[in-house]
PDB file of all heavy atoms in Angstrom:
ATOM      1  N   GLY A   1       0.800  -1.209   0.001  1.00  0.00           N
ATOM      2  CA  GLY A   1       0.015   0.034   0.018  1.00  0.00           C
ATOM      3  C   GLY A   1       0.812   1.258   0.036  1.00  0.00           C
ATOM      4  O   GLY A   1       2.061   1.267  -0.073  1.00  0.00           O
ATOM      5  N   GLY A   2       0.137   2.414   0.103  1.00  0.00           N
ATOM      6  CA  GLY A   2       0.800   3.681   0.130  1.00  0.00           C
ATOM      7  C   GLY A   2       1.405   4.146  -1.208  1.00  0.00           C
ATOM      8  O   GLY A   2       2.293   5.041  -1.191  1.00  0.00           O
ATOM      9  N   ILE A   3       1.008   3.546  -2.298  1.00  0.00           N
ATOM     10  CA  ILE A   3       1.586   3.871  -3.636  1.00  0.00           C
ATOM     11  C   ILE A   3       0.443   4.431  -4.498  1.00  0.00           C
ATOM     12  O   ILE A   3      -0.519   3.733  -4.764  1.00  0.00           O
ATOM     13  CB  ILE A   3       2.185   2.641  -4.260  1.00  0.00           C
ATOM     14  CG1 ILE A   3       3.349   2.134  -3.393  1.00  0.00           C
ATOM     15  CG2 ILE A   3       2.652   2.930  -5.677  1.00  0.00           C
ATOM     16  CD1 ILE A   3       3.834   0.751  -3.819  1.00  0.00           C
ATOM     17  N   ALA A   4       0.617   5.693  -4.899  1.00  0.00           N
ATOM     18  CA  ALA A   4      -0.402   6.305  -5.731  1.00  0.00           C
ATOM     19  C   ALA A   4       0.051   6.543  -7.172  1.00  0.00           C
ATOM     20  O   ALA A   4      -0.725   6.743  -8.098  1.00  0.00           O
ATOM     21  CB  ALA A   4      -0.884   7.619  -5.095  1.00  0.00           C
ATOM     22  N   GLU A   5       1.363   6.617  -7.400  1.00  0.00           N
ATOM     23  CA  GLU A   5       1.979   6.930  -8.698  1.00  0.00           C
ATOM     24  C   GLU A   5       3.183   6.072  -8.893  1.00  0.00           C
ATOM     25  O   GLU A   5       3.752   5.560  -7.959  1.00  0.00           O
ATOM     26  CB  GLU A   5       2.359   8.428  -8.742  1.00  0.00           C
ATOM     27  CG  GLU A   5       1.185   9.355  -8.519  1.00  0.00           C
ATOM     28  CD  GLU A   5       1.653  10.817  -8.540  1.00  0.00           C
ATOM     29  OE1 GLU A   5       2.481  11.211  -7.687  1.00  0.00           O
ATOM     30  OE2 GLU A   5       1.210  11.612  -9.408  1.00  0.00           O
ATOM     31  N   PRO A   6       3.649   5.951 -10.160  1.00  0.00           N
ATOM     32  CA  PRO A   6       4.882   5.152 -10.389  1.00  0.00           C
ATOM     33  C   PRO A   6       6.104   5.610  -9.553  1.00  0.00           C
ATOM     34  O   PRO A   6       6.849   4.794  -9.066  1.00  0.00           O
ATOM     35  CB  PRO A   6       5.081   5.372 -11.899  1.00  0.00           C
ATOM     36  CG  PRO A   6       3.774   5.591 -12.480  1.00  0.00           C
ATOM     37  CD  PRO A   6       3.030   6.394 -11.441  1.00  0.00           C
ATOM     38  N   LYS A   7       6.191   6.922  -9.356  1.00  0.00           N
ATOM     39  CA  LYS A   7       7.363   7.441  -8.644  1.00  0.00           C
ATOM     40  C   LYS A   7       7.410   6.915  -7.175  1.00  0.00           C
ATOM     41  O   LYS A   7       8.473   6.781  -6.574  1.00  0.00           O
ATOM     42  CB  LYS A   7       7.383   8.968  -8.618  1.00  0.00           C
ATOM     43  CG  LYS A   7       6.283   9.670  -7.876  1.00  0.00           C
ATOM     44  CD  LYS A   7       6.398  11.152  -7.893  1.00  0.00           C
ATOM     45  CE  LYS A   7       5.302  11.825  -7.102  1.00  0.00           C
ATOM     46  NZ  LYS A   7       5.224  11.440  -5.708  1.00  0.00           N
ATOM     47  N   ASP A   8       6.212   6.664  -6.602  1.00  0.00           N
ATOM     48  CA  ASP A   8       6.167   6.158  -5.255  1.00  0.00           C
ATOM     49  C   ASP A   8       6.810   4.799  -5.148  1.00  0.00           C
ATOM     50  O   ASP A   8       7.621   4.503  -4.221  1.00  0.00           O
ATOM     51  CB  ASP A   8       4.701   6.104  -4.762  1.00  0.00           C
ATOM     52  CG  ASP A   8       4.031   7.471  -4.789  1.00  0.00           C
ATOM     53  OD1 ASP A   8       4.726   8.477  -4.671  1.00  0.00           O
ATOM     54  OD2 ASP A   8       2.815   7.510  -4.938  1.00  0.00           O
ATOM     55  N   ALA A   9       6.441   3.894  -6.038  1.00  0.00           N
ATOM     56  CA  ALA A   9       7.027   2.550  -6.007  1.00  0.00           C
ATOM     57  C   ALA A   9       8.575   2.654  -6.292  1.00  0.00           C
ATOM     58  O   ALA A   9       9.305   1.937  -5.659  1.00  0.00           O
ATOM     59  CB  ALA A   9       6.352   1.709  -7.125  1.00  0.00           C
ATOM     60  N   LEU A  10       8.982   3.480  -7.268  1.00  0.00           N
ATOM     61  CA  LEU A  10      10.386   3.571  -7.550  1.00  0.00           C
ATOM     62  C   LEU A  10      11.183   4.077  -6.367  1.00  0.00           C
ATOM     63  O   LEU A  10      12.298   3.651  -6.094  1.00  0.00           O
ATOM     64  CB  LEU A  10      10.592   4.456  -8.769  1.00  0.00           C
ATOM     65  CG  LEU A  10       9.907   4.054 -10.085  1.00  0.00           C
ATOM     66  CD1 LEU A  10      10.275   5.015 -11.194  1.00  0.00           C
ATOM     67  CD2 LEU A  10      10.278   2.612 -10.422  1.00  0.00           C
ATOM     68  N   ALA A  11      10.551   4.998  -5.599  1.00  0.00           N
ATOM     69  CA  ALA A  11      11.250   5.507  -4.343  1.00  0.00           C
ATOM     70  C   ALA A  11      11.374   4.393  -3.331  1.00  0.00           C
ATOM     71  O   ALA A  11      12.407   4.314  -2.612  1.00  0.00           O
ATOM     72  CB  ALA A  11      10.446   6.680  -3.774  1.00  0.00           C
ATOM     73  N   LEU A  12      10.408   3.495  -3.230  1.00  0.00           N
ATOM     74  CA  LEU A  12      10.496   2.394  -2.248  1.00  0.00           C
ATOM     75  C   LEU A  12      11.491   1.396  -2.676  1.00  0.00           C
ATOM     76  O   LEU A  12      12.234   0.823  -1.820  1.00  0.00           O
ATOM     77  CB  LEU A  12       9.113   1.742  -2.144  1.00  0.00           C
ATOM     78  CG  LEU A  12       8.009   2.537  -1.451  1.00  0.00           C
ATOM     79  CD1 LEU A  12       6.652   1.909  -1.563  1.00  0.00           C
ATOM     80  CD2 LEU A  12       8.390   2.804   0.010  1.00  0.00           C
ATOM     81  N   TYR A  13      11.627   1.135  -3.979  1.00  0.00           N
ATOM     82  CA  TYR A  13      12.696   0.216  -4.462  1.00  0.00           C
ATOM     83  C   TYR A  13      14.076   0.823  -4.124  1.00  0.00           C
ATOM     84  O   TYR A  13      14.984   0.101  -3.685  1.00  0.00           O
ATOM     85  CB  TYR A  13      12.570   0.011  -5.989  1.00  0.00           C
ATOM     86  CG  TYR A  13      11.358  -0.747  -6.402  1.00  0.00           C
ATOM     87  CD1 TYR A  13      10.645  -0.325  -7.567  1.00  0.00           C
ATOM     88  CD2 TYR A  13      10.893  -1.818  -5.738  1.00  0.00           C
ATOM     89  CE1 TYR A  13       9.516  -1.014  -7.994  1.00  0.00           C
ATOM     90  CE2 TYR A  13       9.759  -2.532  -6.157  1.00  0.00           C
ATOM     91  CZ  TYR A  13       9.064  -2.115  -7.302  1.00  0.00           C
ATOM     92  OH  TYR A  13       7.964  -2.770  -7.690  1.00  0.00           O
ATOM     93  N   GLU A  14      14.200   2.122  -4.350  1.00  0.00           N
ATOM     94  CA  GLU A  14      15.438   2.756  -4.037  1.00  0.00           C
ATOM     95  C   GLU A  14      15.806   2.747  -2.547  1.00  0.00           C
ATOM     96  O   GLU A  14      16.967   2.612  -2.197  1.00  0.00           O
ATOM     97  CB  GLU A  14      15.352   4.242  -4.543  1.00  0.00           C
ATOM     98  CG  GLU A  14      16.695   4.994  -4.495  1.00  0.00           C
ATOM     99  CD  GLU A  14      16.653   6.382  -5.076  1.00  0.00           C
ATOM    100  OE1 GLU A  14      15.636   6.717  -5.725  1.00  0.00           O
ATOM    101  OE2 GLU A  14      17.588   7.113  -4.857  1.00  0.00           O
ATOM    102  N   ALA A  15      14.784   2.775  -1.747  1.00  0.00           N
ATOM    103  CA  ALA A  15      15.022   2.715  -0.295  1.00  0.00           C
ATOM    104  C   ALA A  15      15.394   1.298   0.164  1.00  0.00           C
ATOM    105  O   ALA A  15      15.939   1.156   1.289  1.00  0.00           O
ATOM    106  CB  ALA A  15      13.779   3.155   0.473  1.00  0.00           C
ATOM    107  N   GLY A  16      15.149   0.303  -0.693  1.00  0.00           N
ATOM    108  CA  GLY A  16      15.579  -1.064  -0.331  1.00  0.00           C
ATOM    109  C   GLY A  16      14.483  -2.117  -0.343  1.00  0.00           C
ATOM    110  O   GLY A  16      14.713  -3.244  -0.027  1.00  0.00           O
ATOM    111  N   ALA A  17      13.248  -1.751  -0.718  1.00  0.00           N
ATOM    112  CA  ALA A  17      12.155  -2.730  -0.827  1.00  0.00           C
ATOM    113  C   ALA A  17      12.414  -3.675  -1.980  1.00  0.00           C
ATOM    114  O   ALA A  17      12.897  -3.271  -3.061  1.00  0.00           O
ATOM    115  CB  ALA A  17      10.860  -2.024  -1.016  1.00  0.00           C
ATOM    116  N   ASP A  18      12.090  -4.926  -1.739  1.00  0.00           N
ATOM    117  CA  ASP A  18      12.276  -5.910  -2.756  1.00  0.00           C
ATOM    118  C   ASP A  18      11.039  -6.032  -3.679  1.00  0.00           C
ATOM    119  O   ASP A  18      11.119  -6.220  -4.914  1.00  0.00           O
ATOM    120  CB  ASP A  18      12.610  -7.282  -2.188  1.00  0.00           C
ATOM    121  CG  ASP A  18      13.971  -7.272  -1.461  1.00  0.00           C
ATOM    122  OD1 ASP A  18      14.981  -7.358  -2.085  1.00  0.00           O
ATOM    123  OD2 ASP A  18      13.908  -7.182  -0.204  1.00  0.00           O
ATOM    124  N   LEU A  19       9.864  -5.989  -3.029  1.00  0.00           N
ATOM    125  CA  LEU A  19       8.611  -6.032  -3.758  1.00  0.00           C
ATOM    126  C   LEU A  19       7.643  -5.029  -3.188  1.00  0.00           C
ATOM    127  O   LEU A  19       7.815  -4.571  -2.007  1.00  0.00           O
ATOM    128  CB  LEU A  19       7.989  -7.449  -3.557  1.00  0.00           C
ATOM    129  CG  LEU A  19       8.809  -8.688  -3.958  1.00  0.00           C
ATOM    130  CD1 LEU A  19       8.047  -9.952  -3.567  1.00  0.00           C
ATOM    131  CD2 LEU A  19       9.138  -8.711  -5.395  1.00  0.00           C
ATOM    132  N   VAL A  20       6.658  -4.647  -3.945  1.00  0.00           N
ATOM    133  CA  VAL A  20       5.582  -3.777  -3.464  1.00  0.00           C
ATOM    134  C   VAL A  20       4.222  -4.379  -3.812  1.00  0.00           C
ATOM    135  O   VAL A  20       4.106  -5.111  -4.782  1.00  0.00           O
ATOM    136  CB  VAL A  20       5.702  -2.334  -4.032  1.00  0.00           C
ATOM    137  CG1 VAL A  20       7.019  -1.675  -3.663  1.00  0.00           C
ATOM    138  CG2 VAL A  20       5.498  -2.328  -5.542  1.00  0.00           C
ATOM    139  N   MET A  21       3.210  -4.052  -3.018  1.00  0.00           N
ATOM    140  CA  MET A  21       1.850  -4.499  -3.293  1.00  0.00           C
ATOM    141  C   MET A  21       0.991  -3.254  -3.340  1.00  0.00           C
ATOM    142  O   MET A  21       1.005  -2.446  -2.433  1.00  0.00           O
ATOM    143  CB  MET A  21       1.350  -5.463  -2.215  1.00  0.00           C
ATOM    144  CG  MET A  21       2.078  -6.833  -2.238  1.00  0.00           C
ATOM    145  SD  MET A  21       1.264  -8.084  -1.219  1.00  0.00           S
ATOM    146  CE  MET A  21       1.599  -7.513   0.430  1.00  0.00           C
ATOM    147  N   LEU A  22       0.166  -3.163  -4.428  1.00  0.00           N
ATOM    148  CA  LEU A  22      -0.708  -2.020  -4.583  1.00  0.00           C
ATOM    149  C   LEU A  22      -1.988  -2.229  -3.837  1.00  0.00           C
ATOM    150  O   LEU A  22      -2.570  -3.346  -3.760  1.00  0.00           O
ATOM    151  CB  LEU A  22      -1.005  -1.850  -6.079  1.00  0.00           C
ATOM    152  CG  LEU A  22       0.211  -1.737  -6.999  1.00  0.00           C
ATOM    153  CD1 LEU A  22      -0.228  -1.570  -8.449  1.00  0.00           C
ATOM    154  CD2 LEU A  22       1.102  -0.565  -6.575  1.00  0.00           C
ATOM    155  N   SER A  23      -2.464  -1.091  -3.275  1.00  0.00           N
ATOM    156  CA  SER A  23      -3.736  -1.119  -2.473  1.00  0.00           C
ATOM    157  C   SER A  23      -4.635   0.002  -3.014  1.00  0.00           C
ATOM    158  O   SER A  23      -5.051  -0.052  -4.238  1.00  0.00           O
ATOM    159  CB  SER A  23      -3.402  -0.957  -1.014  1.00  0.00           C
ATOM    160  OG  SER A  23      -4.564  -0.988  -0.264  1.00  0.00           O
ATOM    161  N   GLY A  24      -4.988   0.971  -2.184  1.00  0.00           N
ATOM    162  CA  GLY A  24      -5.882   2.006  -2.607  1.00  0.00           C
ATOM    163  C   GLY A  24      -5.486   2.778  -3.827  1.00  0.00           C
ATOM    164  O   GLY A  24      -6.334   3.247  -4.636  1.00  0.00           O
ATOM    165  N   GLY A  25      -4.160   2.976  -4.004  1.00  0.00           N
ATOM    166  CA  GLY A  25      -3.661   3.706  -5.107  1.00  0.00           C
ATOM    167  C   GLY A  25      -4.063   3.047  -6.450  1.00  0.00           C
ATOM    168  O   GLY A  25      -4.171   3.695  -7.474  1.00  0.00           O
ATOM    169  N   TYR A  26      -4.163   1.721  -6.419  1.00  0.00           N
ATOM    170  CA  TYR A  26      -4.478   0.980  -7.615  1.00  0.00           C
ATOM    171  C   TYR A  26      -5.916   1.310  -8.069  1.00  0.00           C
ATOM    172  O   TYR A  26      -6.167   1.513  -9.231  1.00  0.00           O
ATOM    173  CB  TYR A  26      -4.352  -0.529  -7.350  1.00  0.00           C
ATOM    174  CG  TYR A  26      -4.783  -1.407  -8.480  1.00  0.00           C
ATOM    175  CD1 TYR A  26      -3.899  -1.647  -9.483  1.00  0.00           C
ATOM    176  CD2 TYR A  26      -6.021  -1.993  -8.550  1.00  0.00           C
ATOM    177  CE1 TYR A  26      -4.284  -2.496 -10.565  1.00  0.00           C
ATOM    178  CE2 TYR A  26      -6.391  -2.844  -9.580  1.00  0.00           C
ATOM    179  CZ  TYR A  26      -5.528  -3.048 -10.583  1.00  0.00           C
ATOM    180  OH  TYR A  26      -5.878  -3.849 -11.687  1.00  0.00           O
ATOM    181  N   VAL A  27      -6.825   1.474  -7.039  1.00  0.00           N
ATOM    182  CA  VAL A  27      -8.181   1.818  -7.354  1.00  0.00           C
ATOM    183  C   VAL A  27      -8.316   3.220  -7.893  1.00  0.00           C
ATOM    184  O   VAL A  27      -9.033   3.496  -8.840  1.00  0.00           O
ATOM    185  CB  VAL A  27      -9.083   1.571  -6.082  1.00  0.00           C
ATOM    186  CG1 VAL A  27     -10.543   1.908  -6.455  1.00  0.00           C
ATOM    187  CG2 VAL A  27      -8.952   0.143  -5.591  1.00  0.00           C
ATOM    188  N   ARG A  28      -7.575   4.094  -7.201  1.00  0.00           N
ATOM    189  CA  ARG A  28      -7.699   5.529  -7.569  1.00  0.00           C
ATOM    190  C   ARG A  28      -6.975   5.841  -8.880  1.00  0.00           C
ATOM    191  O   ARG A  28      -7.491   6.558  -9.733  1.00  0.00           O
ATOM    192  CB  ARG A  28      -7.097   6.367  -6.471  1.00  0.00           C
ATOM    193  CG  ARG A  28      -7.097   7.895  -6.733  1.00  0.00           C
ATOM    194  CD  ARG A  28      -8.508   8.377  -6.722  1.00  0.00           C
ATOM    195  NE  ARG A  28      -8.562   9.796  -7.004  1.00  0.00           N
ATOM    196  CZ  ARG A  28      -9.485  10.415  -7.726  1.00  0.00           C
ATOM    197  NH1 ARG A  28     -10.439   9.683  -8.286  1.00  0.00           N
ATOM    198  NH2 ARG A  28      -9.503  11.721  -7.880  1.00  0.00           N
ATOM    199  N   THR A  29      -5.815   5.311  -9.112  1.00  0.00           N
ATOM    200  CA  THR A  29      -4.979   5.645 -10.279  1.00  0.00           C
ATOM    201  C   THR A  29      -5.363   4.812 -11.495  1.00  0.00           C
ATOM    202  O   THR A  29      -5.216   5.298 -12.597  1.00  0.00           O
ATOM    203  CB  THR A  29      -3.481   5.402  -9.981  1.00  0.00           C
ATOM    204  OG1 THR A  29      -3.137   6.186  -8.768  1.00  0.00           O
ATOM    205  CG2 THR A  29      -2.595   5.796 -11.090  1.00  0.00           C
ATOM    206  N   GLY A  30      -5.866   3.591 -11.274  1.00  0.00           N
ATOM    207  CA  GLY A  30      -6.329   2.804 -12.401  1.00  0.00           C
ATOM    208  C   GLY A  30      -5.495   1.569 -12.623  1.00  0.00           C
ATOM    209  O   GLY A  30      -4.380   1.426 -12.116  1.00  0.00           O
ATOM    210  N   PRO A  31      -6.057   0.617 -13.342  1.00  0.00           N
ATOM    211  CA  PRO A  31      -5.406  -0.726 -13.546  1.00  0.00           C
ATOM    212  C   PRO A  31      -4.190  -0.657 -14.366  1.00  0.00           C
ATOM    213  O   PRO A  31      -3.485  -1.669 -14.484  1.00  0.00           O
ATOM    214  CB  PRO A  31      -6.537  -1.526 -14.257  1.00  0.00           C
ATOM    215  CG  PRO A  31      -7.423  -0.489 -14.872  1.00  0.00           C
ATOM    216  CD  PRO A  31      -7.391   0.711 -13.978  1.00  0.00           C
ATOM    217  N   GLY A  32      -3.871   0.496 -14.969  1.00  0.00           N
ATOM    218  CA  GLY A  32      -2.588   0.583 -15.728  1.00  0.00           C
ATOM    219  C   GLY A  32      -1.421   0.894 -14.825  1.00  0.00           C
ATOM    220  O   GLY A  32      -0.256   0.931 -15.326  1.00  0.00           O
ATOM    221  N   LEU A  33      -1.619   1.097 -13.559  1.00  0.00           N
ATOM    222  CA  LEU A  33      -0.532   1.429 -12.622  1.00  0.00           C
ATOM    223  C   LEU A  33       0.611   0.441 -12.593  1.00  0.00           C
ATOM    224  O   LEU A  33       1.768   0.740 -12.605  1.00  0.00           O
ATOM    225  CB  LEU A  33      -1.043   1.699 -11.193  1.00  0.00           C
ATOM    226  CG  LEU A  33      -0.077   2.188 -10.168  1.00  0.00           C
ATOM    227  CD1 LEU A  33       0.671   3.429 -10.581  1.00  0.00           C
ATOM    228  CD2 LEU A  33      -0.747   2.398  -8.779  1.00  0.00           C
ATOM    229  N   PRO A  34       0.300  -0.910 -12.488  1.00  0.00           N
ATOM    230  CA  PRO A  34       1.377  -1.845 -12.461  1.00  0.00           C
ATOM    231  C   PRO A  34       2.279  -1.786 -13.712  1.00  0.00           C
ATOM    232  O   PRO A  34       3.497  -1.861 -13.662  1.00  0.00           O
ATOM    233  CB  PRO A  34       0.642  -3.211 -12.445  1.00  0.00           C
ATOM    234  CG  PRO A  34      -0.718  -2.932 -11.911  1.00  0.00           C
ATOM    235  CD  PRO A  34      -1.035  -1.575 -12.376  1.00  0.00           C
ATOM    236  N   LYS A  35       1.634  -1.627 -14.882  1.00  0.00           N
ATOM    237  CA  LYS A  35       2.390  -1.508 -16.099  1.00  0.00           C
ATOM    238  C   LYS A  35       3.266  -0.265 -16.114  1.00  0.00           C
ATOM    239  O   LYS A  35       4.426  -0.313 -16.508  1.00  0.00           O
ATOM    240  CB  LYS A  35       1.470  -1.509 -17.323  1.00  0.00           C
ATOM    241  CG  LYS A  35       2.194  -1.382 -18.659  1.00  0.00           C
ATOM    242  CD  LYS A  35       1.242  -1.200 -19.797  1.00  0.00           C
ATOM    243  CE  LYS A  35       2.045  -0.988 -21.114  1.00  0.00           C
ATOM    244  NZ  LYS A  35       1.129  -0.676 -22.213  1.00  0.00           N
ATOM    245  N   ARG A  36       2.741   0.835 -15.642  1.00  0.00           N
ATOM    246  CA  ARG A  36       3.469   2.081 -15.580  1.00  0.00           C
ATOM    247  C   ARG A  36       4.689   1.979 -14.647  1.00  0.00           C
ATOM    248  O   ARG A  36       5.729   2.523 -14.888  1.00  0.00           O
ATOM    249  CB  ARG A  36       2.548   3.222 -15.185  1.00  0.00           C
ATOM    250  CG  ARG A  36       1.487   3.550 -16.233  1.00  0.00           C
ATOM    251  CD  ARG A  36       0.406   4.508 -15.698  1.00  0.00           C
ATOM    252  NE  ARG A  36       0.987   5.800 -15.300  1.00  0.00           N
ATOM    253  CZ  ARG A  36       0.448   6.617 -14.411  1.00  0.00           C
ATOM    254  NH1 ARG A  36      -0.664   6.295 -13.789  1.00  0.00           N
ATOM    255  NH2 ARG A  36       1.056   7.802 -14.152  1.00  0.00           N
ATOM    256  N   ILE A  37       4.453   1.287 -13.533  1.00  0.00           N
ATOM    257  CA  ILE A  37       5.574   1.068 -12.613  1.00  0.00           C
ATOM    258  C   ILE A  37       6.669   0.237 -13.266  1.00  0.00           C
ATOM    259  O   ILE A  37       7.865   0.517 -13.205  1.00  0.00           O
ATOM    260  CB  ILE A  37       5.086   0.443 -11.296  1.00  0.00           C
ATOM    261  CG1 ILE A  37       4.207   1.405 -10.517  1.00  0.00           C
ATOM    262  CG2 ILE A  37       6.288   0.020 -10.427  1.00  0.00           C
ATOM    263  CD1 ILE A  37       3.508   0.779  -9.358  1.00  0.00           C
ATOM    264  N   ASN A  38       6.211  -0.834 -13.960  1.00  0.00           N
ATOM    265  CA  ASN A  38       7.186  -1.722 -14.586  1.00  0.00           C
ATOM    266  C   ASN A  38       7.965  -0.962 -15.643  1.00  0.00           C
ATOM    267  O   ASN A  38       9.184  -1.141 -15.792  1.00  0.00           O
ATOM    268  CB  ASN A  38       6.437  -2.909 -15.253  1.00  0.00           C
ATOM    269  CG  ASN A  38       5.861  -3.855 -14.235  1.00  0.00           C
ATOM    270  OD1 ASN A  38       6.345  -4.027 -13.161  1.00  0.00           O
ATOM    271  ND2 ASN A  38       4.781  -4.548 -14.654  1.00  0.00           N
ATOM    272  N   GLU A  39       7.308  -0.112 -16.404  1.00  0.00           N
ATOM    273  CA  GLU A  39       7.988   0.657 -17.471  1.00  0.00           C
ATOM    274  C   GLU A  39       8.947   1.688 -16.857  1.00  0.00           C
ATOM    275  O   GLU A  39      10.034   1.925 -17.413  1.00  0.00           O
ATOM    276  CB  GLU A  39       6.913   1.343 -18.342  1.00  0.00           C
ATOM    277  CG  GLU A  39       6.183   0.378 -19.209  1.00  0.00           C
ATOM    278  CD  GLU A  39       4.991   1.003 -19.982  1.00  0.00           C
ATOM    279  OE1 GLU A  39       4.638   2.129 -19.582  1.00  0.00           O
ATOM    280  OE2 GLU A  39       4.461   0.418 -20.880  1.00  0.00           O
ATOM    281  N   GLY A  40       8.562   2.281 -15.726  1.00  0.00           N
ATOM    282  CA  GLY A  40       9.428   3.211 -15.086  1.00  0.00           C
ATOM    283  C   GLY A  40      10.658   2.568 -14.494  1.00  0.00           C
ATOM    284  O   GLY A  40      11.779   3.069 -14.627  1.00  0.00           O
TER     285      GLY A  40
END
C-alpha cells in the first residue's frame, strides 16, 4: 500500500524494498498502474 503513482514505487525500491503490493492507489490511479511502474 501507500503507492499512488509510479514514482512512489520507484522510491520504495530505491530505499531497499524488494517487492511492493498495490492497494488503494491501484483503485484511484487505475489498472494501468502496475504496467506504468514496470515501465518506469
